[in-house]
Amino acid sequence: MEAGRALNQARARLKAAGISGTADLDALVLMEDVTGIDRARLLAEPAQKLTLTQLRTYNQQINQRRRHIPLAYIRKQSEFYGRTFYIDKRVLEPRPESEAMIDEAKSLIVSLKRRPLVIDIGTGSGALIISLKLELPLGQAVAIDLSQDCLDVAKINMQKFALDIEFRKGDLIDCLPDKLFQINRPVLALANLPYVPNNWKINEAAMQEPRMAIFGGGDGLDLYRTLFKQLTTRNNPVDYLLCESMPPQHATLAELATIYGYKLIGTNDFIQVFSCLA
């Protein structure tokens, strides 16, 4: 079959399945993956022939996408901060809005003029801590997650980029030893915790992702409440805390931070930056 014909059929099938907004791009990206031919060339030369193996693989992937399986899970990869990360159904796909956390962390680290300890709380695929470590030299990088599956995926990405990151399995920062904070250096934490309220309606693709990585309680901020309580019991060992949540949640999160000794010093889209008042 010609590539152009296969593309047209795939687009129609995706749109019929309710994937109207991204059907054209999804069909093209998957075709590019299967054939190894650049998408611009596929569009310019639609008469190129597909092998039976390519056509079979392509149709299987289109059938997966028709069931609203996220494109990242089908492709086993996702783009974040200009790099390609390994992704599968064990982890949440990194979102574009999270890239602002890297921007804010970079600005903060440059202003510190010392290499900090950076802790990625709820690391998932590891995209945040890996991106930051590739952008700037850090004093030490530690990534935490409650899910061993997530840590396994994050380690795949760490190895892909040949980095040295310490991984710990645990509940937020409770798994970290006191000695980690006893070295005289700034401590910066990235916290992209689940923040979607439990009754929030999400799209069909997001429903395929791990629920524990998406939903954060009645108002979405339960895990942030736990984190701030942990910071208090540890005598606020984190100097700077960067959090992601929906903008309508920002006022509540800022009030919560104040109660536990943190002050809001910056906001960038979904990201809030807090500094410890102690």
C-alpha atoms as a PDB file:
ATOM      1  CA  MET A   1       0.000   0.000   0.000  1.00  0.00           C
ATOM      2  CA  GLU A   2       1.120   3.562  -0.666  1.00  0.00           C
ATOM      3  CA  ALA A   3       2.036   5.656   2.367  1.00  0.00           C
ATOM      4  CA  GLY A   4      -0.414   8.399   1.399  1.00  0.00           C
ATOM      5  CA  ARG A   5      -3.336   5.999   1.250  1.00  0.00           C
ATOM      6  CA  ALA A   6      -2.413   4.406   4.576  1.00  0.00           C
ATOM      7  CA  LEU A   7      -2.171   7.853   6.142  1.00  0.00           C
ATOM      8  CA  ASN A   8      -5.600   8.880   4.873  1.00  0.00           C
ATOM      9  CA  GLN A   9      -7.171   5.685   6.180  1.00  0.00           C
ATOM     10  CA  ALA A  10      -5.499   6.114   9.566  1.00  0.00           C
ATOM     11  CA  ARG A  11      -6.665   9.727   9.896  1.00  0.00           C
ATOM     12  CA  ALA A  12     -10.247   8.708   9.145  1.00  0.00           C
ATOM     13  CA  ARG A  13     -10.151   5.857  11.665  1.00  0.00           C
ATOM     14  CA  LEU A  14      -8.741   8.080  14.401  1.00  0.00           C
ATOM     15  CA  LYS A  15     -11.310  10.794  13.801  1.00  0.00           C
ATOM     16  CA  ALA A  16     -14.107   8.199  13.846  1.00  0.00           C
ATOM     17  CA  ALA A  17     -12.804   7.092  17.256  1.00  0.00           C
ATOM     18  CA  GLY A  18     -13.165  10.629  18.598  1.00  0.00           C
ATOM     19  CA  ILE A  19      -9.540  11.688  18.235  1.00  0.00           C
ATOM     20  CA  SER A  20     -10.279  14.717  16.111  1.00  0.00           C
ATOM     21  CA  GLY A  21      -7.844  17.338  17.386  1.00  0.00           C
ATOM     22  CA  THR A  22      -4.632  15.376  16.857  1.00  0.00           C
ATOM     23  CA  ALA A  23      -5.653  12.688  14.344  1.00  0.00           C
ATOM     24  CA  ASP A  24      -3.639  14.113  11.444  1.00  0.00           C
ATOM     25  CA  LEU A  25      -0.460  14.585  13.452  1.00  0.00           C
ATOM     26  CA  ASP A  26      -0.791  11.279  15.313  1.00  0.00           C
ATOM     27  CA  ALA A  27      -1.148   9.346  12.055  1.00  0.00           C
ATOM     28  CA  LEU A  28       1.843  11.121  10.553  1.00  0.00           C
ATOM     29  CA  VAL A  29       4.112  10.694  13.593  1.00  0.00           C
ATOM     30  CA  LEU A  30       3.400   6.975  13.794  1.00  0.00           C
ATOM     31  CA  MET A  31       4.018   6.604  10.064  1.00  0.00           C
ATOM     32  CA  GLU A  32       7.347   8.379  10.466  1.00  0.00           C
ATOM     33  CA  ASP A  33       8.303   6.003  13.281  1.00  0.00           C
ATOM     34  CA  VAL A  34       7.346   2.860  11.368  1.00  0.00           C
ATOM     35  CA  THR A  35       9.016   3.798   8.079  1.00  0.00           C
ATOM     36  CA  GLY A  36      11.952   5.855   9.319  1.00  0.00           C
ATOM     37  CA  ILE A  37      11.051   8.437   6.679  1.00  0.00           C
ATOM     38  CA  ASP A  38      10.866  12.112   7.628  1.00  0.00           C
ATOM     39  CA  ARG A  39       7.291  13.405   7.858  1.00  0.00           C
ATOM     40  CA  ALA A  40       7.955  16.196   5.362  1.00  0.00           C
ATOM     41  CA  ARG A  41       9.055  13.639   2.791  1.00  0.00           C
ATOM     42  CA  LEU A  42       6.050  11.434   3.537  1.00  0.00           C
ATOM     43  CA  LEU A  43       3.752  14.353   2.737  1.00  0.00           C
ATOM     44  CA  ALA A  44       5.712  15.381  -0.350  1.00  0.00           C
ATOM     45  CA  GLU A  45       6.006  11.835  -1.723  1.00  0.00           C
ATOM     46  CA  PRO A  46       2.801   9.988  -0.739  1.00  0.00           C
ATOM     47  CA  ALA A  47       3.256   7.286  -3.402  1.00  0.00           C
ATOM     48  CA  GLN A  48       6.047   5.570  -1.446  1.00  0.00           C
ATOM     49  CA  LYS A  49       5.286   1.897  -0.859  1.00  0.00           C
ATOM     50  CA  LEU A  50       5.017   0.326   2.582  1.00  0.00           C
ATOM     51  CA  THR A  51       6.205  -3.210   3.193  1.00  0.00           C
ATOM     52  CA  LEU A  52       3.701  -5.690   4.619  1.00  0.00           C
ATOM     53  CA  THR A  53       5.548  -5.619   7.946  1.00  0.00           C
ATOM     54  CA  GLN A  54       5.446  -1.819   8.070  1.00  0.00           C
ATOM     55  CA  LEU A  55       1.740  -1.757   7.209  1.00  0.00           C
ATOM     56  CA  ARG A  56       0.934  -4.398   9.819  1.00  0.00           C
ATOM     57  CA  THR A  57       2.868  -2.556  12.522  1.00  0.00           C
ATOM     58  CA  TYR A  58       1.319   0.767  11.538  1.00  0.00           C
ATOM     59  CA  ASN A  59      -2.234  -0.599  11.687  1.00  0.00           C
ATOM     60  CA  GLN A  60      -1.559  -2.138  15.089  1.00  0.00           C
ATOM     61  CA  GLN A  61      -0.362   1.212  16.415  1.00  0.00           C
ATOM     62  CA  ILE A  62      -3.320   3.066  14.920  1.00  0.00           C
ATOM     63  CA  ASN A  63      -5.639   0.559  16.609  1.00  0.00           C
ATOM     64  CA  GLN A  64      -3.926   1.298  19.912  1.00  0.00           C
ATOM     65  CA  ARG A  65      -4.362   5.039  19.407  1.00  0.00           C
ATOM     66  CA  ARG A  66      -8.032   4.491  18.498  1.00  0.00           C
ATOM     67  CA  ARG A  67      -8.442   3.102  22.027  1.00  0.00           C
ATOM     68  CA  HIS A  68      -7.065   6.434  23.293  1.00  0.00           C
ATOM     69  CA  ILE A  69      -3.783   4.936  24.453  1.00  0.00           C
ATOM     70  CA  PRO A  70      -1.444   7.944  24.754  1.00  0.00           C
ATOM     71  CA  LEU A  71       0.907   8.418  21.822  1.00  0.00           C
ATOM     72  CA  ALA A  72       3.886   8.372  24.195  1.00  0.00           C
ATOM     73  CA  TYR A  73       2.987   4.859  25.369  1.00  0.00           C
ATOM     74  CA  ILE A  74       2.691   3.608  21.811  1.00  0.00           C
ATOM     75  CA  ARG A  75       5.975   5.201  20.746  1.00  0.00           C
ATOM     76  CA  LYS A  76       7.726   4.472  24.071  1.00  0.00           C
ATOM     77  CA  GLN A  77       9.059   8.019  24.094  1.00  0.00           C
ATOM     78  CA  SER A  78       8.138  11.633  24.762  1.00  0.00           C
ATOM     79  CA  GLU A  79       9.788  15.008  24.213  1.00  0.00           C
ATOM     80  CA  PHE A  80      10.570  17.185  27.226  1.00  0.00           C
ATOM     81  CA  TYR A  81      12.773  20.280  27.383  1.00  0.00           C
ATOM     82  CA  GLY A  82      14.241  19.506  23.962  1.00  0.00           C
ATOM     83  CA  ARG A  83      15.165  15.906  24.766  1.00  0.00           C
ATOM     84  CA  THR A  84      13.604  12.509  24.153  1.00  0.00           C
ATOM     85  CA  PHE A  85      12.772  10.407  27.209  1.00  0.00           C
ATOM     86  CA  TYR A  86      11.744   6.776  27.468  1.00  0.00           C
ATOM     87  CA  ILE A  87       8.103   6.530  28.564  1.00  0.00           C
ATOM     88  CA  ASP A  88       5.739   3.629  29.135  1.00  0.00           C
ATOM     89  CA  LYS A  89       2.474   2.951  30.959  1.00  0.00           C
ATOM     90  CA  ARG A  90       4.227   2.791  34.337  1.00  0.00           C
ATOM     91  CA  VAL A  91       4.695   6.571  34.424  1.00  0.00           C
ATOM     92  CA  LEU A  92       2.874   9.791  33.675  1.00  0.00           C
ATOM     93  CA  GLU A  93       3.913  11.417  30.420  1.00  0.00           C
ATOM     94  CA  PRO A  94       5.815  14.661  31.196  1.00  0.00           C
ATOM     95  CA  ARG A  95       3.728  17.737  30.358  1.00  0.00           C
ATOM     96  CA  PRO A  96       4.896  20.888  28.549  1.00  0.00           C
ATOM     97  CA  GLU A  97       3.753  23.068  31.466  1.00  0.00           C
ATOM     98  CA  SER A  98       6.336  21.345  33.675  1.00  0.00           C
ATOM     99  CA  GLU A  99       9.153  22.790  31.566  1.00  0.00           C
ATOM    100  CA  ALA A 100       8.663  26.101  33.370  1.00  0.00           C
ATOM    101  CA  MET A 101       9.912  24.381  36.528  1.00  0.00           C
ATOM    102  CA  ILE A 102      13.257  23.794  34.823  1.00  0.00           C
ATOM    103  CA  ASP A 103      13.424  27.451  33.773  1.00  0.00           C
ATOM    104  CA  GLU A 104      12.740  28.632  37.316  1.00  0.00           C
ATOM    105  CA  ALA A 105      15.160  26.155  38.877  1.00  0.00           C
ATOM    106  CA  LYS A 106      17.936  27.202  36.505  1.00  0.00           C
ATOM    107  CA  SER A 107      17.469  30.890  37.335  1.00  0.00           C
ATOM    108  CA  LEU A 108      17.473  30.140  41.034  1.00  0.00           C
ATOM    109  CA  ILE A 109      20.581  27.943  40.915  1.00  0.00           C
ATOM    110  CA  VAL A 110      22.525  30.543  38.932  1.00  0.00           C
ATOM    111  CA  SER A 111      21.623  33.175  41.549  1.00  0.00           C
ATOM    112  CA  LEU A 112      22.846  30.937  44.380  1.00  0.00           C
ATOM    113  CA  LYS A 113      26.395  30.830  42.981  1.00  0.00           C
ATOM    114  CA  ARG A 114      26.891  27.481  44.749  1.00  0.00           C
ATOM    115  CA  ARG A 115      26.064  24.017  43.554  1.00  0.00           C
ATOM    116  CA  PRO A 116      22.986  22.856  45.470  1.00  0.00           C
ATOM    117  CA  LEU A 117      21.565  19.539  46.511  1.00  0.00           C
ATOM    118  CA  VAL A 118      18.511  19.084  44.292  1.00  0.00           C
ATOM    119  CA  ILE A 119      15.740  16.707  45.348  1.00  0.00           C
ATOM    120  CA  ASP A 120      13.088  15.615  42.863  1.00  0.00           C
ATOM    121  CA  ILE A 121      10.059  14.575  44.919  1.00  0.00           C
ATOM    122  CA  GLY A 122       7.793  12.244  42.960  1.00  0.00           C
ATOM    123  CA  THR A 123      10.223  11.859  40.093  1.00  0.00           C
ATOM    124  CA  GLY A 124       8.098   9.658  37.801  1.00  0.00           C
ATOM    125  CA  SER A 125      10.030   9.265  34.547  1.00  0.00           C
ATOM    126  CA  GLY A 126      12.891  11.353  35.930  1.00  0.00           C
ATOM    127  CA  ALA A 127      12.394  14.007  33.240  1.00  0.00           C
ATOM    128  CA  LEU A 128      12.676  16.947  35.662  1.00  0.00           C
ATOM    129  CA  ILE A 129      15.840  16.052  37.559  1.00  0.00           C
ATOM    130  CA  ILE A 130      17.538  14.679  34.442  1.00  0.00           C
ATOM    131  CA  SER A 131      16.751  17.810  32.421  1.00  0.00           C
ATOM    132  CA  LEU A 132      18.021  20.083  35.184  1.00  0.00           C
ATOM    133  CA  LYS A 133      21.218  18.065  35.672  1.00  0.00           C
ATOM    134  CA  LEU A 134      21.898  18.202  31.938  1.00  0.00           C
ATOM    135  CA  GLU A 135      21.384  21.963  31.927  1.00  0.00           C
ATOM    136  CA  LEU A 136      23.493  22.910  34.963  1.00  0.00           C
ATOM    137  CA  PRO A 137      26.114  21.334  37.248  1.00  0.00           C
ATOM    138  CA  LEU A 138      24.515  20.304  40.554  1.00  0.00           C
ATOM    139  CA  GLY A 139      26.126  19.485  43.867  1.00  0.00           C
ATOM    140  CA  GLN A 140      24.078  16.314  44.221  1.00  0.00           C
ATOM    141  CA  ALA A 141      20.870  14.978  42.667  1.00  0.00           C
ATOM    142  CA  VAL A 142      18.384  12.770  44.506  1.00  0.00           C
ATOM    143  CA  ALA A 143      15.132  11.461  43.042  1.00  0.00           C
ATOM    144  CA  ILE A 144      12.304  10.022  45.144  1.00  0.00           C
ATOM    145  CA  ASP A 145       9.188   8.098  44.236  1.00  0.00           C
ATOM    146  CA  LEU A 146       6.745   5.879  46.084  1.00  0.00           C
ATOM    147  CA  SER A 147       6.471   3.614  43.033  1.00  0.00           C
ATOM    148  CA  GLN A 148       9.258   1.200  42.196  1.00  0.00           C
ATOM    149  CA  ASP A 149       7.893   1.088  38.635  1.00  0.00           C
ATOM    150  CA  CYS A 150       8.518   4.820  38.295  1.00  0.00           C
ATOM    151  CA  LEU A 151      12.029   4.501  39.682  1.00  0.00           C
ATOM    152  CA  ASP A 152      12.770   1.724  37.200  1.00  0.00           C
ATOM    153  CA  VAL A 153      11.721   3.958  34.290  1.00  0.00           C
ATOM    154  CA  ALA A 154      13.674   6.911  35.703  1.00  0.00           C
ATOM    155  CA  LYS A 155      16.788   4.729  35.904  1.00  0.00           C
ATOM    156  CA  ILE A 156      16.393   3.808  32.237  1.00  0.00           C
ATOM    157  CA  ASN A 157      16.420   7.511  31.402  1.00  0.00           C
ATOM    158  CA  MET A 158      19.353   8.226  33.712  1.00  0.00           C
ATOM    159  CA  GLN A 159      21.372   5.521  31.973  1.00  0.00           C
ATOM    160  CA  LYS A 160      20.334   6.841  28.573  1.00  0.00           C
ATOM    161  CA  PHE A 161      21.876  10.210  29.400  1.00  0.00           C
ATOM    162  CA  ALA A 162      24.825   8.713  31.331  1.00  0.00           C
ATOM    163  CA  LEU A 163      24.121  10.631  34.541  1.00  0.00           C
ATOM    164  CA  ASP A 164      24.715   9.978  38.229  1.00  0.00           C
ATOM    165  CA  ILE A 165      21.498  10.361  40.233  1.00  0.00           C
ATOM    166  CA  GLU A 166      20.661   8.770  43.579  1.00  0.00           C
ATOM    167  CA  PHE A 167      17.235   7.105  43.598  1.00  0.00           C
ATOM    168  CA  ARG A 168      15.225   6.441  46.737  1.00  0.00           C
ATOM    169  CA  LYS A 169      11.887   4.687  47.192  1.00  0.00           C
ATOM    170  CA  GLY A 170       9.697   6.347  49.778  1.00  0.00           C
ATOM    171  CA  ASP A 171       6.903   8.670  50.816  1.00  0.00           C
ATOM    172  CA  LEU A 172       7.983  12.201  49.826  1.00  0.00           C
ATOM    173  CA  ILE A 173      11.027  13.324  51.877  1.00  0.00           C
ATOM    174  CA  ASP A 174      10.579  10.968  54.850  1.00  0.00           C
ATOM    175  CA  CYS A 175      12.927   8.464  53.211  1.00  0.00           C
ATOM    176  CA  LEU A 176      15.879  10.866  53.201  1.00  0.00           C
ATOM    177  CA  PRO A 177      18.570  10.534  55.899  1.00  0.00           C
ATOM    178  CA  ASP A 178      19.389  13.529  58.099  1.00  0.00           C
ATOM    179  CA  LYS A 179      23.032  13.435  57.043  1.00  0.00           C
ATOM    180  CA  LEU A 180      21.990  14.475  53.539  1.00  0.00           C
ATOM    181  CA  PHE A 181      21.049  17.907  54.902  1.00  0.00           C
ATOM    182  CA  GLN A 182      24.025  18.375  57.198  1.00  0.00           C
ATOM    183  CA  ILE A 183      26.402  19.454  54.451  1.00  0.00           C
ATOM    184  CA  ASN A 184      26.696  23.229  54.126  1.00  0.00           C
ATOM    185  CA  ARG A 185      25.035  23.814  50.755  1.00  0.00           C
ATOM    186  CA  PRO A 186      21.721  25.144  49.439  1.00  0.00           C
ATOM    187  CA  VAL A 187      18.901  22.612  49.119  1.00  0.00           C
ATOM    188  CA  LEU A 188      16.375  22.947  46.335  1.00  0.00           C
ATOM    189  CA  ALA A 189      13.402  20.622  45.861  1.00  0.00           C
ATOM    190  CA  LEU A 190      11.246  20.035  42.803  1.00  0.00           C
ATOM    191  CA  ALA A 191       7.731  18.834  43.636  1.00  0.00           C
ATOM    192  CA  ASN A 192       5.479  17.990  40.728  1.00  0.00           C
ATOM    193  CA  LEU A 193       3.048  15.985  42.834  1.00  0.00           C
ATOM    194  CA  PRO A 194      -0.416  14.761  41.791  1.00  0.00           C
ATOM    195  CA  TYR A 195      -2.684  17.811  42.004  1.00  0.00           C
ATOM    196  CA  VAL A 196      -5.857  17.034  40.042  1.00  0.00           C
ATOM    197  CA  PRO A 197      -8.966  16.962  42.318  1.00  0.00           C
ATOM    198  CA  ASN A 198     -10.501  13.492  42.591  1.00  0.00           C
ATOM    199  CA  ASN A 199     -13.780  14.532  40.940  1.00  0.00           C
ATOM    200  CA  TRP A 200     -12.074  16.346  38.050  1.00  0.00           C
ATOM    201  CA  LYS A 201     -13.017  15.023  34.618  1.00  0.00           C
ATOM    202  CA  ILE A 202      -9.946  14.054  32.589  1.00  0.00           C
ATOM    203  CA  ASN A 203      -9.743  13.029  28.929  1.00  0.00           C
ATOM    204  CA  GLU A 204      -9.690   9.426  27.765  1.00  0.00           C
ATOM    205  CA  ALA A 205      -5.953   9.403  27.074  1.00  0.00           C
ATOM    206  CA  ALA A 206      -5.153  10.640  30.597  1.00  0.00           C
ATOM    207  CA  MET A 207      -7.416   7.909  31.992  1.00  0.00           C
ATOM    208  CA  GLN A 208      -4.877   5.394  30.634  1.00  0.00           C
ATOM    209  CA  GLU A 209      -2.129   6.885  32.819  1.00  0.00           C
ATOM    210  CA  PRO A 210      -1.428   5.877  36.457  1.00  0.00           C
ATOM    211  CA  ARG A 211      -4.168   7.377  38.638  1.00  0.00           C
ATOM    212  CA  MET A 212      -1.821   7.751  41.591  1.00  0.00           C
ATOM    213  CA  ALA A 213       0.282  10.136  39.481  1.00  0.00           C
ATOM    214  CA  ILE A 214      -2.706  12.352  38.618  1.00  0.00           C
ATOM    215  CA  PHE A 215      -5.222  12.690  41.458  1.00  0.00           C
ATOM    216  CA  GLY A 216      -4.394  14.465  44.709  1.00  0.00           C
ATOM    217  CA  GLY A 217      -7.499  14.286  46.902  1.00  0.00           C
ATOM    218  CA  GLY A 218     -10.649  16.383  47.242  1.00  0.00           C
ATOM    219  CA  ASP A 219      -9.078  19.691  46.221  1.00  0.00           C
ATOM    220  CA  GLY A 220      -5.985  18.107  44.659  1.00  0.00           C
ATOM    221  CA  LEU A 221      -3.535  19.350  47.297  1.00  0.00           C
ATOM    222  CA  ASP A 222      -3.436  16.489  49.818  1.00  0.00           C
ATOM    223  CA  LEU A 223       0.097  15.419  48.960  1.00  0.00           C
ATOM    224  CA  TYR A 224       1.356  18.995  49.210  1.00  0.00           C
ATOM    225  CA  ARG A 225      -0.135  19.204  52.711  1.00  0.00           C
ATOM    226  CA  THR A 226       1.733  16.041  53.652  1.00  0.00           C
ATOM    227  CA  LEU A 227       4.943  17.382  52.134  1.00  0.00           C
ATOM    228  CA  PHE A 228       4.813  20.639  54.077  1.00  0.00           C
ATOM    229  CA  LYS A 229       4.127  18.735  57.311  1.00  0.00           C
ATOM    230  CA  GLN A 230       7.161  16.558  56.618  1.00  0.00           C
ATOM    231  CA  LEU A 231       9.274  19.649  55.983  1.00  0.00           C
ATOM    232  CA  THR A 232       8.227  21.002  59.369  1.00  0.00           C
ATOM    233  CA  THR A 233       9.111  17.801  61.209  1.00  0.00           C
ATOM    234  CA  ARG A 234      12.522  17.908  59.500  1.00  0.00           C
ATOM    235  CA  ASN A 235      12.968  21.545  60.581  1.00  0.00           C
ATOM    236  CA  ASN A 236      12.493  22.797  57.007  1.00  0.00           C
ATOM    237  CA  PRO A 237      15.684  21.311  55.509  1.00  0.00           C
ATOM    238  CA  VAL A 238      14.712  22.571  52.044  1.00  0.00           C
ATOM    239  CA  ASP A 239      15.716  26.157  51.294  1.00  0.00           C
ATOM    240  CA  TYR A 240      13.754  26.478  48.060  1.00  0.00           C
ATOM    241  CA  LEU A 241      10.719  24.514  46.970  1.00  0.00           C
ATOM    242  CA  LEU A 242       9.279  24.568  43.443  1.00  0.00           C
ATOM    243  CA  CYS A 243       5.733  23.228  43.144  1.00  0.00           C
ATOM    244  CA  GLU A 244       3.417  22.571  40.221  1.00  0.00           C
ATOM    245  CA  SER A 245      -0.353  22.927  40.476  1.00  0.00           C
ATOM    246  CA  MET A 246      -3.231  24.467  38.558  1.00  0.00           C
ATOM    247  CA  PRO A 247      -3.330  28.291  38.721  1.00  0.00           C
ATOM    248  CA  PRO A 248      -6.722  28.282  40.549  1.00  0.00           C
ATOM    249  CA  GLN A 249      -5.003  26.248  43.303  1.00  0.00           C
ATOM    250  CA  HIS A 250      -2.139  28.706  43.716  1.00  0.00           C
ATOM    251  CA  ALA A 251      -3.703  30.913  46.386  1.00  0.00           C
ATOM    252  CA  THR A 252      -4.514  27.911  48.584  1.00  0.00           C
ATOM    253  CA  LEU A 253      -1.046  26.444  48.126  1.00  0.00           C
ATOM    254  CA  ALA A 254       0.595  29.790  48.948  1.00  0.00           C
ATOM    255  CA  GLU A 255      -1.453  30.033  52.162  1.00  0.00           C
ATOM    256  CA  LEU A 256      -0.456  26.498  53.072  1.00  0.00           C
ATOM    257  CA  ALA A 257       3.203  27.286  52.456  1.00  0.00           C
ATOM    258  CA  THR A 258       3.010  30.327  54.730  1.00  0.00           C
ATOM    259  CA  ILE A 259       1.595  28.244  57.567  1.00  0.00           C
ATOM    260  CA  TYR A 260       4.615  25.959  57.357  1.00  0.00           C
ATOM    261  CA  GLY A 261       7.282  28.637  57.101  1.00  0.00           C
ATOM    262  CA  TYR A 262       7.625  29.202  53.354  1.00  0.00           C
ATOM    263  CA  LYS A 263       7.147  32.385  51.365  1.00  0.00           C
ATOM    264  CA  LEU A 264       6.060  32.654  47.728  1.00  0.00           C
ATOM    265  CA  ILE A 265       8.828  34.387  45.746  1.00  0.00           C
ATOM    266  CA  GLY A 266       7.810  33.670  42.167  1.00  0.00           C
ATOM    267  CA  THR A 267       5.150  32.269  39.836  1.00  0.00           C
ATOM    268  CA  ASN A 268       5.498  31.045  36.266  1.00  0.00           C
ATOM    269  CA  ASP A 269       2.318  29.592  34.754  1.00  0.00           C
ATOM    270  CA  PHE A 270       1.676  26.343  36.710  1.00  0.00           C
ATOM    271  CA  ILE A 271       4.846  26.728  38.795  1.00  0.00           C
ATOM    272  CA  GLN A 272       5.246  28.435  42.187  1.00  0.00           C
ATOM    273  CA  VAL A 273       8.614  29.057  43.829  1.00  0.00           C
ATOM    274  CA  PHE A 274       8.804  29.169  47.639  1.00  0.00           C
ATOM    275  CA  SER A 275      11.698  30.041  49.933  1.00  0.00           C
ATOM    276  CA  CYS A 276      12.082  28.957  53.550  1.00  0.00           C
ATOM    277  CA  LEU A 277      11.698  31.775  56.068  1.00  0.00           C
ATOM    278  CA  ALA A 278      13.777  30.032  58.748  1.00  0.00           C
END
